[in-house]
Amino acid sequence: MLLLQVSRALFELFLGIEAQARLGVAGVVLLLAVGVGVRARRVGLAVGAAVMFTLLMIQA
């Protein structure tokens, strides 16, 4: 259980650093929106932010 949480935290940290390096603040805001949408169980927010993040990462 602890290993899963640590690996998830490291993955989130890596994703945040990568998004900031490629997209700047917009990437970090989109990742934050995905996280908030998932935790608040707002599927539309999470999916919309994930799609936008994916499209921007493809373009970067």
C-alpha atoms as a PDB file:
ATOM      1  CA  MET A   1       0.000   0.000   0.000  1.00  0.00           C
ATOM      2  CA  LEU A   2       2.781   2.407   0.934  1.00  0.00           C
ATOM      3  CA  LEU A   3       4.762   1.515  -2.174  1.00  0.00           C
ATOM      4  CA  LEU A   4       1.725   2.244  -4.342  1.00  0.00           C
ATOM      5  CA  GLN A   5       1.240   5.664  -2.742  1.00  0.00           C
ATOM      6  CA  VAL A   6       4.912   6.559  -3.080  1.00  0.00           C
ATOM      7  CA  SER A   7       5.061   5.499  -6.718  1.00  0.00           C
ATOM      8  CA  ARG A   8       1.873   7.435  -7.459  1.00  0.00           C
ATOM      9  CA  ALA A   9       3.275  10.563  -5.787  1.00  0.00           C
ATOM     10  CA  LEU A  10       6.518  10.279  -7.763  1.00  0.00           C
ATOM     11  CA  PHE A  11       4.582   9.822 -10.996  1.00  0.00           C
ATOM     12  CA  GLU A  12       2.470  12.915 -10.256  1.00  0.00           C
ATOM     13  CA  LEU A  13       5.611  14.904  -9.469  1.00  0.00           C
ATOM     14  CA  PHE A  14       7.266  13.799 -12.710  1.00  0.00           C
ATOM     15  CA  LEU A  15       4.169  14.613 -14.715  1.00  0.00           C
ATOM     16  CA  GLY A  16       3.956  18.078 -13.147  1.00  0.00           C
ATOM     17  CA  ILE A  17       7.599  18.835 -13.879  1.00  0.00           C
ATOM     18  CA  GLU A  18       7.261  17.595 -17.463  1.00  0.00           C
ATOM     19  CA  ALA A  19       4.091  19.610 -18.025  1.00  0.00           C
ATOM     20  CA  GLN A  20       5.678  22.753 -16.646  1.00  0.00           C
ATOM     21  CA  ALA A  21       8.760  22.287 -18.790  1.00  0.00           C
ATOM     22  CA  ARG A  22       6.746  21.885 -21.996  1.00  0.00           C
ATOM     23  CA  LEU A  23       3.602  23.918 -21.424  1.00  0.00           C
ATOM     24  CA  GLY A  24       4.433  26.285 -18.603  1.00  0.00           C
ATOM     25  CA  VAL A  25       1.728  27.295 -16.163  1.00  0.00           C
ATOM     26  CA  ALA A  26      -1.117  26.115 -18.420  1.00  0.00           C
ATOM     27  CA  GLY A  27       0.049  22.495 -18.175  1.00  0.00           C
ATOM     28  CA  VAL A  28       0.215  22.596 -14.408  1.00  0.00           C
ATOM     29  CA  VAL A  29      -3.245  24.200 -14.202  1.00  0.00           C
ATOM     30  CA  LEU A  30      -4.693  21.495 -16.464  1.00  0.00           C
ATOM     31  CA  LEU A  31      -3.131  18.762 -14.331  1.00  0.00           C
ATOM     32  CA  LEU A  32      -4.555  20.423 -11.244  1.00  0.00           C
ATOM     33  CA  ALA A  33      -7.995  20.525 -12.903  1.00  0.00           C
ATOM     34  CA  VAL A  34      -7.770  16.804 -13.674  1.00  0.00           C
ATOM     35  CA  GLY A  35      -6.890  16.060 -10.053  1.00  0.00           C
ATOM     36  CA  VAL A  36      -9.672  18.254  -8.684  1.00  0.00           C
ATOM     37  CA  GLY A  37     -12.186  16.765 -11.114  1.00  0.00           C
ATOM     38  CA  VAL A  38     -11.298  13.218 -10.105  1.00  0.00           C
ATOM     39  CA  ARG A  39     -11.382  13.928  -6.375  1.00  0.00           C
ATOM     40  CA  ALA A  40     -14.641  15.891  -6.607  1.00  0.00           C
ATOM     41  CA  ARG A  41     -16.128  13.217  -8.877  1.00  0.00           C
ATOM     42  CA  ARG A  42     -16.806  15.751 -11.622  1.00  0.00           C
ATOM     43  CA  VAL A  43     -16.336  13.587 -14.685  1.00  0.00           C
ATOM     44  CA  GLY A  44     -16.838  16.417 -17.172  1.00  0.00           C
ATOM     45  CA  LEU A  45     -14.110  18.557 -15.613  1.00  0.00           C
ATOM     46  CA  ALA A  46     -11.650  15.685 -15.359  1.00  0.00           C
ATOM     47  CA  VAL A  47     -12.226  14.421 -18.903  1.00  0.00           C
ATOM     48  CA  GLY A  48     -12.211  17.887 -20.439  1.00  0.00           C
ATOM     49  CA  ALA A  49      -8.973  18.855 -18.716  1.00  0.00           C
ATOM     50  CA  ALA A  50      -7.362  15.523 -19.610  1.00  0.00           C
ATOM     51  CA  VAL A  51      -8.304  15.917 -23.274  1.00  0.00           C
ATOM     52  CA  MET A  52      -6.972  19.491 -23.368  1.00  0.00           C
ATOM     53  CA  PHE A  53      -3.772  18.409 -21.620  1.00  0.00           C
ATOM     54  CA  THR A  54      -3.284  15.571 -24.093  1.00  0.00           C
ATOM     55  CA  LEU A  55      -3.867  17.823 -27.104  1.00  0.00           C
ATOM     56  CA  LEU A  56      -1.431  20.428 -25.805  1.00  0.00           C
ATOM     57  CA  MET A  57       1.213  17.811 -25.032  1.00  0.00           C
ATOM     58  CA  ILE A  58       0.905  16.433 -28.559  1.00  0.00           C
ATOM     59  CA  GLN A  59       1.435  19.916 -29.978  1.00  0.00           C
ATOM     60  CA  ALA A  60       4.402  20.712 -27.707  1.00  0.00           C
END
